């Protein structure tokens, strides 16, 4: 059976989650194989930009005393270990890598700025949902880092906000603190209503 090609249309947006230097090789909290999301994401960026469609990039933008660094977040999961200091606002580790071809029109959404609150989702503590609804966005194509944390929570929140969500399967990578966390996250997103797509299916 022939795969149906994906052709983004008006009402679609590309949502890139937390592709920042600290999550890439050599960074403070490097996601295994995290650099491998850049090439497929650049293909989606090129396609969406050429079509004049919205591109969004979320980023961790933490204060130096953020609670995730010592495990004191009021909304953290029970037993969750602290993270290394990462993506502190205005530092190199919080920057997007030069290899990620974000156009100047990209809507940048900063999150995790409250010292006492963890914020994995790009919708938490931001006005992203309102801005997208006002712009008539109905479908989100999502990729980035990491599958089992920020991508997972962003996708789940997007679904709760009424968007149709397509997870770009080859443009996500997982932390896998526990073996299989990434796979479990993908199943959870699918069971919640997200659909899987692949860059090879993007119409050229």
N, C-alpha and C. Protein backbone atom coordinates (compact mmCIF):
# COMPACT_ATOMS: atom_id res chain seq x y z
N UNK A 1 0.84 -1.19 0.00
CA UNK A 1 0.00 0.00 0.00
C UNK A 1 0.88 1.24 0.00
N UNK A 2 0.58 2.18 -0.86
CA UNK A 2 1.39 3.38 -0.97
C UNK A 2 1.14 4.32 0.21
N UNK A 3 2.21 4.86 0.76
CA UNK A 3 2.09 5.81 1.86
C UNK A 3 1.58 7.15 1.33
N UNK A 4 0.62 7.71 2.04
CA UNK A 4 0.09 9.01 1.64
C UNK A 4 1.08 10.10 2.05
N UNK A 5 1.46 10.94 1.10
CA UNK A 5 2.43 12.00 1.38
C UNK A 5 1.78 13.08 2.24
N UNK A 6 2.61 13.70 3.08
CA UNK A 6 2.15 14.75 3.98
C UNK A 6 2.37 16.10 3.30
N UNK A 7 1.33 16.87 3.19
CA UNK A 7 1.41 18.20 2.59
C UNK A 7 0.83 19.20 3.58
N UNK A 8 1.69 19.87 4.37
CA UNK A 8 1.17 20.86 5.33
C UNK A 8 0.35 21.94 4.63
N UNK A 9 -0.70 22.38 5.30
CA UNK A 9 -1.65 23.33 4.73
C UNK A 9 -1.91 24.46 5.72
N UNK A 10 -2.66 25.46 5.26
CA UNK A 10 -3.06 26.55 6.15
C UNK A 10 -3.73 25.99 7.40
N UNK A 11 -3.32 26.48 8.56
CA UNK A 11 -3.82 25.95 9.82
C UNK A 11 -2.87 24.99 10.48
N UNK A 12 -1.76 24.69 9.78
CA UNK A 12 -0.73 23.81 10.34
C UNK A 12 0.42 24.65 10.90
N UNK A 13 1.09 24.11 11.92
CA UNK A 13 2.30 24.74 12.45
C UNK A 13 3.30 23.66 12.82
N UNK A 14 4.56 24.01 12.72
CA UNK A 14 5.66 23.13 13.12
C UNK A 14 6.12 23.56 14.51
N UNK A 15 6.13 22.62 15.46
CA UNK A 15 6.51 22.92 16.84
C UNK A 15 7.77 22.13 17.19
N UNK A 16 8.87 22.83 17.35
CA UNK A 16 10.17 22.23 17.66
C UNK A 16 10.44 22.42 19.14
N UNK A 17 10.65 21.31 19.84
CA UNK A 17 10.76 21.33 21.30
C UNK A 17 12.22 21.26 21.74
N UNK A 18 12.71 22.32 22.35
CA UNK A 18 13.94 22.32 23.16
C UNK A 18 15.18 21.75 22.47
N UNK A 19 15.39 22.07 21.22
CA UNK A 19 16.63 21.67 20.56
C UNK A 19 17.66 22.75 20.88
N UNK A 20 18.33 22.58 22.02
CA UNK A 20 19.27 23.55 22.56
C UNK A 20 20.62 22.90 22.80
N UNK A 21 21.64 23.72 22.86
CA UNK A 21 23.01 23.19 22.95
C UNK A 21 23.22 22.29 24.16
N UNK A 22 22.61 22.60 25.28
CA UNK A 22 22.82 21.78 26.47
C UNK A 22 22.24 20.38 26.34
N UNK A 23 21.33 20.17 25.38
CA UNK A 23 20.74 18.86 25.18
C UNK A 23 21.42 18.08 24.05
N UNK A 24 22.46 18.66 23.48
CA UNK A 24 23.19 18.04 22.37
C UNK A 24 24.56 17.56 22.86
N UNK A 25 25.27 16.75 22.06
CA UNK A 25 26.58 16.23 22.50
C UNK A 25 27.49 17.34 23.02
N UNK A 26 28.08 17.09 24.19
CA UNK A 26 28.94 18.08 24.82
C UNK A 26 28.21 19.02 25.75
N UNK A 27 26.88 18.98 25.73
CA UNK A 27 26.09 19.85 26.59
C UNK A 27 25.94 19.30 27.99
N UNK A 28 25.40 20.12 28.87
CA UNK A 28 25.28 19.76 30.28
C UNK A 28 24.32 18.60 30.52
N UNK A 29 23.34 18.45 29.65
CA UNK A 29 22.34 17.39 29.80
C UNK A 29 22.08 16.78 28.42
N UNK A 30 23.13 16.21 27.85
CA UNK A 30 23.06 15.71 26.47
C UNK A 30 22.11 14.53 26.36
N UNK A 31 21.19 14.61 25.41
CA UNK A 31 20.28 13.51 25.10
C UNK A 31 20.99 12.58 24.13
N UNK A 32 21.05 11.28 24.42
CA UNK A 32 21.73 10.37 23.51
C UNK A 32 21.21 10.51 22.08
N UNK A 33 22.13 10.71 21.15
CA UNK A 33 21.81 10.87 19.73
C UNK A 33 20.93 12.09 19.45
N UNK A 34 20.93 13.03 20.37
CA UNK A 34 20.08 14.21 20.20
C UNK A 34 20.37 15.00 18.94
N UNK A 35 21.62 14.97 18.50
CA UNK A 35 21.98 15.73 17.29
C UNK A 35 21.30 15.18 16.04
N UNK A 36 20.82 13.94 16.12
CA UNK A 36 20.20 13.32 14.95
C UNK A 36 18.82 13.89 14.61
N UNK A 37 18.26 14.70 15.49
CA UNK A 37 16.96 15.31 15.17
C UNK A 37 17.12 16.52 14.25
N UNK A 38 18.32 17.07 14.15
CA UNK A 38 18.49 18.33 13.44
C UNK A 38 18.24 18.19 11.94
N UNK A 39 18.81 17.17 11.33
CA UNK A 39 18.65 17.02 9.87
C UNK A 39 17.18 16.87 9.47
N UNK A 40 16.42 15.95 10.08
CA UNK A 40 15.01 15.87 9.69
C UNK A 40 14.23 17.14 10.02
N UNK A 41 14.51 17.76 11.16
CA UNK A 41 13.79 18.99 11.49
C UNK A 41 14.08 20.08 10.47
N UNK A 42 15.30 20.15 9.97
CA UNK A 42 15.60 21.16 8.96
C UNK A 42 14.79 20.96 7.69
N UNK A 43 14.49 19.72 7.36
CA UNK A 43 13.64 19.47 6.19
C UNK A 43 12.23 19.99 6.43
N UNK A 44 11.71 19.77 7.63
CA UNK A 44 10.38 20.28 7.97
C UNK A 44 10.39 21.80 8.02
N UNK A 45 11.45 22.39 8.59
CA UNK A 45 11.56 23.84 8.64
C UNK A 45 11.55 24.43 7.23
N UNK A 46 12.34 23.85 6.35
CA UNK A 46 12.41 24.34 4.98
C UNK A 46 11.03 24.30 4.31
N UNK A 47 10.32 23.19 4.54
CA UNK A 47 9.02 23.01 3.90
C UNK A 47 8.00 24.01 4.45
N UNK A 48 7.95 24.13 5.77
CA UNK A 48 6.98 25.04 6.38
C UNK A 48 7.30 26.49 6.05
N UNK A 49 8.58 26.83 6.06
CA UNK A 49 8.97 28.21 5.77
C UNK A 49 8.62 28.57 4.33
N UNK A 50 8.88 27.67 3.40
CA UNK A 50 8.57 27.93 2.00
C UNK A 50 7.08 28.12 1.78
N UNK A 51 6.27 27.44 2.60
CA UNK A 51 4.82 27.54 2.47
C UNK A 51 4.24 28.70 3.28
N UNK A 52 5.10 29.44 3.99
CA UNK A 52 4.62 30.57 4.77
C UNK A 52 3.87 30.16 6.03
N UNK A 53 4.16 28.97 6.54
CA UNK A 53 3.46 28.46 7.71
C UNK A 53 4.26 28.72 8.98
N UNK A 54 3.56 28.74 10.09
CA UNK A 54 4.15 29.10 11.38
C UNK A 54 5.13 28.03 11.87
N UNK A 55 6.28 28.50 12.36
CA UNK A 55 7.28 27.64 12.99
C UNK A 55 7.49 28.15 14.41
N UNK A 56 7.41 27.24 15.38
CA UNK A 56 7.56 27.58 16.79
C UNK A 56 8.74 26.79 17.34
N UNK A 57 9.54 27.43 18.18
CA UNK A 57 10.63 26.73 18.86
C UNK A 57 10.54 27.02 20.35
N UNK A 58 10.33 25.98 21.15
CA UNK A 58 10.34 26.18 22.60
C UNK A 58 11.77 26.04 23.11
N UNK A 59 11.99 26.62 24.28
CA UNK A 59 13.31 26.51 24.89
C UNK A 59 13.18 26.56 26.42
N UNK A 60 13.97 25.73 27.10
CA UNK A 60 14.16 25.91 28.53
C UNK A 60 14.93 27.22 28.72
N UNK A 61 14.49 28.02 29.66
CA UNK A 61 15.09 29.34 29.88
C UNK A 61 15.12 29.58 31.39
N UNK A 62 15.95 28.75 32.05
CA UNK A 62 15.89 28.65 33.50
C UNK A 62 16.68 29.76 34.20
N UNK A 63 16.20 30.19 35.38
CA UNK A 63 17.04 31.01 36.25
C UNK A 63 18.15 30.15 36.85
N UNK A 64 19.23 30.75 37.33
CA UNK A 64 20.35 29.96 37.87
C UNK A 64 19.96 29.09 39.06
N UNK A 65 18.91 29.47 39.77
CA UNK A 65 18.48 28.73 40.96
C UNK A 65 17.24 27.88 40.70
N UNK A 66 17.08 27.43 39.47
CA UNK A 66 15.86 26.68 39.15
C UNK A 66 15.76 25.40 39.96
N UNK A 67 14.54 25.08 40.38
CA UNK A 67 14.31 23.95 41.27
C UNK A 67 14.66 22.60 40.68
N UNK A 68 14.69 22.49 39.35
CA UNK A 68 15.02 21.20 38.74
C UNK A 68 16.47 20.81 38.99
N UNK A 69 17.29 21.79 39.37
CA UNK A 69 18.71 21.52 39.60
C UNK A 69 18.96 20.88 40.97
N UNK A 70 18.04 21.08 41.90
CA UNK A 70 18.21 20.46 43.22
C UNK A 70 17.03 19.57 43.62
N UNK A 71 16.07 19.41 42.70
CA UNK A 71 14.95 18.50 42.97
C UNK A 71 13.87 19.07 43.85
N UNK A 72 13.83 20.40 44.02
CA UNK A 72 12.88 21.00 44.96
C UNK A 72 11.60 21.52 44.31
N UNK A 73 11.39 21.23 43.04
CA UNK A 73 10.20 21.75 42.35
C UNK A 73 8.92 21.29 43.05
N UNK A 74 8.01 22.22 43.24
CA UNK A 74 6.76 21.90 43.93
C UNK A 74 5.89 20.94 43.13
N UNK A 75 6.04 20.92 41.82
CA UNK A 75 5.20 20.08 40.97
C UNK A 75 5.95 18.90 40.38
N UNK A 76 7.06 18.51 40.97
CA UNK A 76 7.85 17.40 40.43
C UNK A 76 7.23 16.06 40.81
N UNK A 77 7.52 15.04 40.01
CA UNK A 77 7.02 13.70 40.28
C UNK A 77 7.77 13.11 41.47
N UNK A 78 7.07 12.30 42.24
CA UNK A 78 7.67 11.68 43.40
C UNK A 78 8.84 10.79 42.97
N UNK A 79 9.97 10.97 43.63
CA UNK A 79 11.13 10.14 43.35
C UNK A 79 11.95 10.59 42.16
N UNK A 80 11.54 11.67 41.50
CA UNK A 80 12.28 12.14 40.33
C UNK A 80 13.59 12.79 40.76
N UNK A 81 14.68 12.37 40.14
CA UNK A 81 16.00 12.88 40.50
C UNK A 81 16.21 14.28 39.93
N UNK A 82 17.05 15.07 40.59
CA UNK A 82 17.38 16.39 40.02
C UNK A 82 18.09 16.25 38.68
N UNK A 83 18.03 17.31 37.89
CA UNK A 83 18.76 17.39 36.63
C UNK A 83 20.03 18.20 36.85
N UNK A 84 21.06 17.95 36.05
CA UNK A 84 22.23 18.85 36.09
C UNK A 84 21.81 20.27 35.71
N UNK A 85 22.57 21.24 36.14
CA UNK A 85 22.30 22.63 35.75
C UNK A 85 22.36 22.71 34.22
N UNK A 86 21.30 23.23 33.62
CA UNK A 86 21.22 23.25 32.16
C UNK A 86 20.36 24.42 31.70
N UNK A 87 20.60 24.88 30.49
CA UNK A 87 19.77 25.88 29.81
C UNK A 87 19.44 27.07 30.70
N UNK A 88 20.45 27.58 31.38
CA UNK A 88 20.28 28.80 32.16
C UNK A 88 20.15 29.97 31.19
N UNK A 89 19.16 30.81 31.41
CA UNK A 89 18.87 31.93 30.50
C UNK A 89 20.12 32.76 30.22
N UNK A 90 20.27 33.12 28.96
CA UNK A 90 21.36 33.98 28.49
C UNK A 90 22.73 33.31 28.49
N UNK A 91 22.78 31.99 28.67
CA UNK A 91 24.05 31.28 28.58
C UNK A 91 24.13 30.53 27.25
N UNK A 92 25.34 30.13 26.88
CA UNK A 92 25.52 29.44 25.60
C UNK A 92 24.74 28.14 25.55
N UNK A 93 24.66 27.43 26.67
CA UNK A 93 23.95 26.16 26.68
C UNK A 93 22.48 26.27 26.38
N UNK A 94 21.91 27.44 26.59
CA UNK A 94 20.48 27.64 26.32
C UNK A 94 20.22 28.04 24.87
N UNK A 95 21.26 28.29 24.10
CA UNK A 95 21.10 28.74 22.72
C UNK A 95 20.65 27.59 21.82
N UNK A 96 19.98 27.95 20.73
CA UNK A 96 19.71 26.99 19.67
C UNK A 96 21.01 26.76 18.90
N UNK A 97 21.29 25.54 18.46
CA UNK A 97 22.51 25.31 17.69
C UNK A 97 22.44 25.97 16.33
N UNK A 98 23.58 26.40 15.85
CA UNK A 98 23.63 27.06 14.54
C UNK A 98 23.16 26.13 13.43
N UNK A 99 23.32 24.82 13.62
CA UNK A 99 22.95 23.85 12.59
C UNK A 99 21.44 23.76 12.40
N UNK A 100 20.68 24.19 13.40
CA UNK A 100 19.22 24.18 13.29
C UNK A 100 18.80 25.44 12.55
N UNK A 101 18.24 25.25 11.37
CA UNK A 101 18.03 26.36 10.44
C UNK A 101 16.72 27.11 10.71
N UNK A 102 16.62 27.68 11.90
CA UNK A 102 15.41 28.42 12.25
C UNK A 102 15.38 29.76 11.53
N UNK A 103 14.29 30.06 10.83
CA UNK A 103 14.18 31.38 10.20
C UNK A 103 13.96 32.47 11.24
N UNK A 104 14.23 33.70 10.86
CA UNK A 104 14.12 34.81 11.80
C UNK A 104 12.69 35.02 12.27
N UNK A 105 11.71 34.54 11.51
CA UNK A 105 10.31 34.71 11.88
C UNK A 105 9.83 33.69 12.91
N UNK A 106 10.70 32.76 13.29
CA UNK A 106 10.31 31.71 14.24
C UNK A 106 9.74 32.31 15.52
N UNK A 107 8.63 31.75 15.98
CA UNK A 107 8.05 32.14 17.26
C UNK A 107 8.77 31.37 18.37
N UNK A 108 9.56 32.07 19.17
CA UNK A 108 10.33 31.45 20.24
C UNK A 108 9.53 31.53 21.54
N UNK A 109 9.35 30.39 22.19
CA UNK A 109 8.57 30.30 23.43
C UNK A 109 9.50 29.84 24.54
N UNK A 110 9.70 30.71 25.53
CA UNK A 110 10.56 30.38 26.67
C UNK A 110 9.72 29.79 27.80
N UNK A 111 10.27 28.78 28.46
CA UNK A 111 9.54 28.10 29.54
C UNK A 111 10.49 27.75 30.67
N UNK A 112 9.92 27.34 31.80
CA UNK A 112 10.74 26.98 32.94
C UNK A 112 11.42 28.16 33.59
N UNK A 113 10.77 29.31 33.55
CA UNK A 113 11.39 30.53 34.06
C UNK A 113 11.08 30.78 35.54
N UNK A 114 10.07 30.10 36.08
CA UNK A 114 9.76 30.26 37.49
C UNK A 114 10.68 29.37 38.33
N UNK A 115 11.36 29.92 39.30
CA UNK A 115 12.36 29.14 40.04
C UNK A 115 11.82 27.90 40.73
N UNK A 116 10.54 27.92 41.14
CA UNK A 116 10.00 26.81 41.95
C UNK A 116 9.09 25.88 41.18
N UNK A 117 9.04 26.00 39.84
CA UNK A 117 8.14 25.19 39.03
C UNK A 117 8.89 24.49 37.90
N UNK A 118 8.72 23.18 37.82
CA UNK A 118 9.19 22.45 36.64
C UNK A 118 8.23 22.75 35.50
N UNK A 119 8.73 22.80 34.28
CA UNK A 119 7.87 23.09 33.13
C UNK A 119 8.41 22.33 31.93
N UNK A 120 8.00 21.08 31.79
CA UNK A 120 8.42 20.31 30.63
C UNK A 120 7.66 20.73 29.38
N UNK A 121 6.39 21.06 29.53
CA UNK A 121 5.55 21.37 28.38
C UNK A 121 5.75 22.79 27.88
N UNK A 122 5.74 22.95 26.57
CA UNK A 122 5.80 24.27 25.98
C UNK A 122 4.55 25.09 26.22
N UNK A 123 3.50 24.46 26.74
CA UNK A 123 2.25 25.17 27.02
C UNK A 123 2.16 25.60 28.48
N UNK A 124 3.01 25.06 29.34
CA UNK A 124 2.92 25.35 30.77
C UNK A 124 3.54 26.70 31.10
N UNK A 125 2.73 27.58 31.69
CA UNK A 125 3.23 28.89 32.07
C UNK A 125 3.48 29.82 30.91
N UNK A 126 2.98 29.46 29.73
CA UNK A 126 3.11 30.32 28.54
C UNK A 126 1.71 30.59 28.00
N UNK A 127 1.62 31.48 27.06
CA UNK A 127 0.33 31.74 26.41
C UNK A 127 0.29 31.12 25.03
N UNK A 128 1.03 30.05 24.84
CA UNK A 128 1.16 29.46 23.51
C UNK A 128 -0.17 29.00 22.95
N UNK A 129 -0.98 28.31 23.75
CA UNK A 129 -2.25 27.80 23.23
C UNK A 129 -3.13 28.94 22.74
N UNK A 130 -3.22 30.01 23.51
CA UNK A 130 -4.04 31.15 23.12
C UNK A 130 -3.54 31.76 21.81
N UNK A 131 -2.24 31.91 21.70
CA UNK A 131 -1.67 32.50 20.48
C UNK A 131 -1.94 31.64 19.26
N UNK A 132 -1.84 30.32 19.44
CA UNK A 132 -2.08 29.42 18.30
C UNK A 132 -3.55 29.43 17.90
N UNK A 133 -4.44 29.39 18.88
CA UNK A 133 -5.87 29.43 18.55
C UNK A 133 -6.23 30.73 17.83
N UNK A 134 -5.67 31.84 18.29
CA UNK A 134 -5.97 33.13 17.66
C UNK A 134 -5.49 33.17 16.21
N UNK A 135 -4.44 32.41 15.93
CA UNK A 135 -3.90 32.38 14.56
C UNK A 135 -4.57 31.31 13.70
N UNK A 136 -5.53 30.63 14.25
CA UNK A 136 -6.27 29.63 13.48
C UNK A 136 -5.53 28.33 13.29
N UNK A 137 -4.55 28.05 14.14
CA UNK A 137 -3.81 26.79 14.03
C UNK A 137 -4.67 25.64 14.52
N UNK A 138 -4.71 24.58 13.74
CA UNK A 138 -5.51 23.40 14.09
C UNK A 138 -4.66 22.15 14.23
N UNK A 139 -3.56 22.10 13.47
CA UNK A 139 -2.72 20.89 13.49
C UNK A 139 -1.28 21.29 13.82
N UNK A 140 -0.66 20.48 14.69
CA UNK A 140 0.73 20.70 15.07
C UNK A 140 1.57 19.50 14.70
N UNK A 141 2.70 19.76 14.05
CA UNK A 141 3.68 18.73 13.74
C UNK A 141 4.85 18.95 14.71
N UNK A 142 5.15 17.95 15.54
CA UNK A 142 6.03 18.13 16.68
C UNK A 142 7.26 17.23 16.59
N UNK A 143 8.42 17.83 16.85
CA UNK A 143 9.66 17.08 16.98
C UNK A 143 10.56 17.79 17.97
N UNK A 144 11.65 17.12 18.38
CA UNK A 144 12.61 17.76 19.28
C UNK A 144 13.05 16.86 20.41
N UNK A 145 13.37 17.49 21.54
CA UNK A 145 13.99 16.79 22.67
C UNK A 145 13.29 17.17 23.98
N UNK A 146 13.19 16.22 24.86
CA UNK A 146 13.43 14.80 24.69
C UNK A 146 12.08 14.08 24.68
N UNK A 147 12.03 12.97 23.96
CA UNK A 147 10.78 12.24 23.76
C UNK A 147 10.02 12.00 25.05
N UNK A 148 10.74 11.58 26.09
CA UNK A 148 10.10 11.10 27.31
C UNK A 148 9.89 12.18 28.36
N UNK A 149 10.19 13.43 28.02
CA UNK A 149 9.95 14.53 28.96
C UNK A 149 9.26 15.69 28.25
N UNK A 150 10.02 16.59 27.68
CA UNK A 150 9.42 17.82 27.15
C UNK A 150 8.56 17.58 25.91
N UNK A 151 8.97 16.66 25.04
CA UNK A 151 8.13 16.33 23.89
C UNK A 151 6.83 15.69 24.36
N UNK A 152 6.94 14.72 25.25
CA UNK A 152 5.76 14.04 25.77
C UNK A 152 4.76 15.02 26.37
N UNK A 153 5.21 15.86 27.28
CA UNK A 153 4.30 16.76 27.97
C UNK A 153 3.75 17.84 27.04
N UNK A 154 4.56 18.29 26.09
CA UNK A 154 4.07 19.27 25.11
C UNK A 154 2.98 18.66 24.24
N UNK A 155 3.19 17.45 23.78
CA UNK A 155 2.19 16.78 22.95
C UNK A 155 0.90 16.54 23.73
N UNK A 156 1.01 16.06 24.95
CA UNK A 156 -0.20 15.80 25.74
C UNK A 156 -0.98 17.09 25.99
N UNK A 157 -0.27 18.17 26.30
CA UNK A 157 -0.96 19.44 26.50
C UNK A 157 -1.59 19.95 25.21
N UNK A 158 -0.90 19.78 24.09
CA UNK A 158 -1.46 20.21 22.81
C UNK A 158 -2.76 19.48 22.52
N UNK A 159 -2.79 18.20 22.80
CA UNK A 159 -4.02 17.42 22.60
C UNK A 159 -5.13 17.91 23.52
N UNK A 160 -4.78 18.19 24.76
CA UNK A 160 -5.79 18.70 25.71
C UNK A 160 -6.35 20.05 25.25
N UNK A 161 -5.51 20.82 24.57
CA UNK A 161 -5.94 22.13 24.08
C UNK A 161 -6.73 22.05 22.78
N UNK A 162 -6.93 20.85 22.28
CA UNK A 162 -7.79 20.66 21.12
C UNK A 162 -7.09 20.63 19.77
N UNK A 163 -5.76 20.62 19.77
CA UNK A 163 -5.03 20.53 18.51
C UNK A 163 -4.91 19.08 18.06
N UNK A 164 -4.90 18.86 16.76
CA UNK A 164 -4.52 17.56 16.23
C UNK A 164 -3.00 17.54 16.17
N UNK A 165 -2.41 16.46 16.67
CA UNK A 165 -0.96 16.42 16.81
C UNK A 165 -0.36 15.28 16.01
N UNK A 166 0.69 15.61 15.26
CA UNK A 166 1.46 14.63 14.52
C UNK A 166 2.88 14.63 15.10
N UNK A 167 3.30 13.49 15.63
CA UNK A 167 4.65 13.36 16.17
C UNK A 167 5.58 12.91 15.07
N UNK A 168 6.64 13.68 14.82
CA UNK A 168 7.61 13.34 13.78
C UNK A 168 8.55 12.29 14.36
N UNK A 169 8.33 11.05 14.04
CA UNK A 169 8.97 9.93 14.73
C UNK A 169 10.49 9.93 14.60
N UNK A 170 11.00 10.33 13.45
CA UNK A 170 12.45 10.32 13.26
C UNK A 170 13.12 11.60 13.73
N UNK A 171 12.35 12.53 14.30
CA UNK A 171 12.90 13.81 14.76
C UNK A 171 12.74 13.99 16.26
N UNK A 172 12.72 12.88 16.99
CA UNK A 172 12.72 12.91 18.46
C UNK A 172 13.73 11.89 18.97
N UNK A 173 14.29 12.19 20.13
CA UNK A 173 15.18 11.25 20.82
C UNK A 173 14.88 11.34 22.31
N UNK A 174 15.13 10.23 23.02
CA UNK A 174 14.75 10.12 24.42
C UNK A 174 15.95 10.15 25.36
N UNK A 175 15.71 10.59 26.59
CA UNK A 175 16.72 10.50 27.65
C UNK A 175 16.89 9.05 28.10
N UNK A 176 15.75 8.36 28.27
CA UNK A 176 15.76 6.96 28.72
C UNK A 176 16.49 6.79 30.06
N UNK A 177 16.08 7.58 31.04
CA UNK A 177 16.62 7.38 32.39
C UNK A 177 16.37 5.94 32.84
N UNK A 178 15.20 5.44 32.51
CA UNK A 178 14.89 4.03 32.68
C UNK A 178 14.78 3.42 31.29
N UNK A 179 15.36 2.24 31.07
CA UNK A 179 15.29 1.64 29.73
C UNK A 179 13.85 1.56 29.23
N UNK A 180 13.67 2.00 27.99
CA UNK A 180 12.34 1.93 27.38
C UNK A 180 11.45 3.12 27.63
N UNK A 181 11.95 4.14 28.34
CA UNK A 181 11.11 5.32 28.61
C UNK A 181 10.64 5.99 27.32
N UNK A 182 11.52 6.06 26.33
CA UNK A 182 11.14 6.70 25.08
C UNK A 182 10.01 5.97 24.38
N UNK A 183 10.12 4.65 24.31
CA UNK A 183 9.07 3.87 23.69
C UNK A 183 7.75 3.99 24.42
N UNK A 184 7.82 3.97 25.74
CA UNK A 184 6.59 4.13 26.52
C UNK A 184 5.96 5.50 26.31
N UNK A 185 6.80 6.52 26.18
CA UNK A 185 6.28 7.87 25.93
C UNK A 185 5.57 7.94 24.58
N UNK A 186 6.16 7.32 23.57
CA UNK A 186 5.53 7.33 22.24
C UNK A 186 4.19 6.61 22.29
N UNK A 187 4.13 5.48 22.97
CA UNK A 187 2.85 4.76 23.09
C UNK A 187 1.82 5.61 23.82
N UNK A 188 2.24 6.30 24.87
CA UNK A 188 1.32 7.16 25.61
C UNK A 188 0.78 8.28 24.74
N UNK A 189 1.65 8.88 23.93
CA UNK A 189 1.20 9.94 23.03
C UNK A 189 0.20 9.39 22.00
N UNK A 190 0.50 8.23 21.45
CA UNK A 190 -0.42 7.62 20.50
C UNK A 190 -1.76 7.29 21.13
N UNK A 191 -1.73 6.71 22.31
CA UNK A 191 -2.96 6.34 23.00
C UNK A 191 -3.80 7.56 23.35
N UNK A 192 -3.13 8.71 23.49
CA UNK A 192 -3.83 9.95 23.81
C UNK A 192 -4.36 10.65 22.56
N UNK A 193 -3.96 10.16 21.38
CA UNK A 193 -4.50 10.70 20.14
C UNK A 193 -3.51 11.24 19.14
N UNK A 194 -2.23 11.26 19.49
CA UNK A 194 -1.22 11.73 18.54
C UNK A 194 -1.02 10.70 17.42
N UNK A 195 -0.73 11.19 16.24
CA UNK A 195 -0.45 10.34 15.09
C UNK A 195 1.03 10.41 14.76
N UNK A 196 1.62 9.28 14.34
CA UNK A 196 3.03 9.26 13.99
C UNK A 196 3.22 9.53 12.52
N UNK A 197 4.21 10.38 12.21
CA UNK A 197 4.58 10.64 10.82
C UNK A 197 6.09 10.53 10.73
N UNK A 198 6.60 10.49 9.51
CA UNK A 198 8.04 10.35 9.27
C UNK A 198 8.45 11.35 8.20
N UNK A 199 9.65 11.85 8.31
CA UNK A 199 10.14 12.85 7.36
C UNK A 199 10.11 12.33 5.93
N UNK A 200 10.34 11.04 5.73
CA UNK A 200 10.34 10.50 4.36
C UNK A 200 8.97 10.64 3.68
N UNK A 201 7.92 10.85 4.50
CA UNK A 201 6.56 10.98 3.95
C UNK A 201 6.18 12.42 3.64
N UNK A 202 7.11 13.35 3.90
CA UNK A 202 6.85 14.75 3.64
C UNK A 202 6.93 15.03 2.14
N UNK A 203 5.89 15.59 1.60
CA UNK A 203 5.86 15.89 0.17
C UNK A 203 6.97 16.88 -0.17
N UNK A 204 7.64 16.65 -1.29
CA UNK A 204 8.73 17.53 -1.69
C UNK A 204 8.37 18.28 -2.97
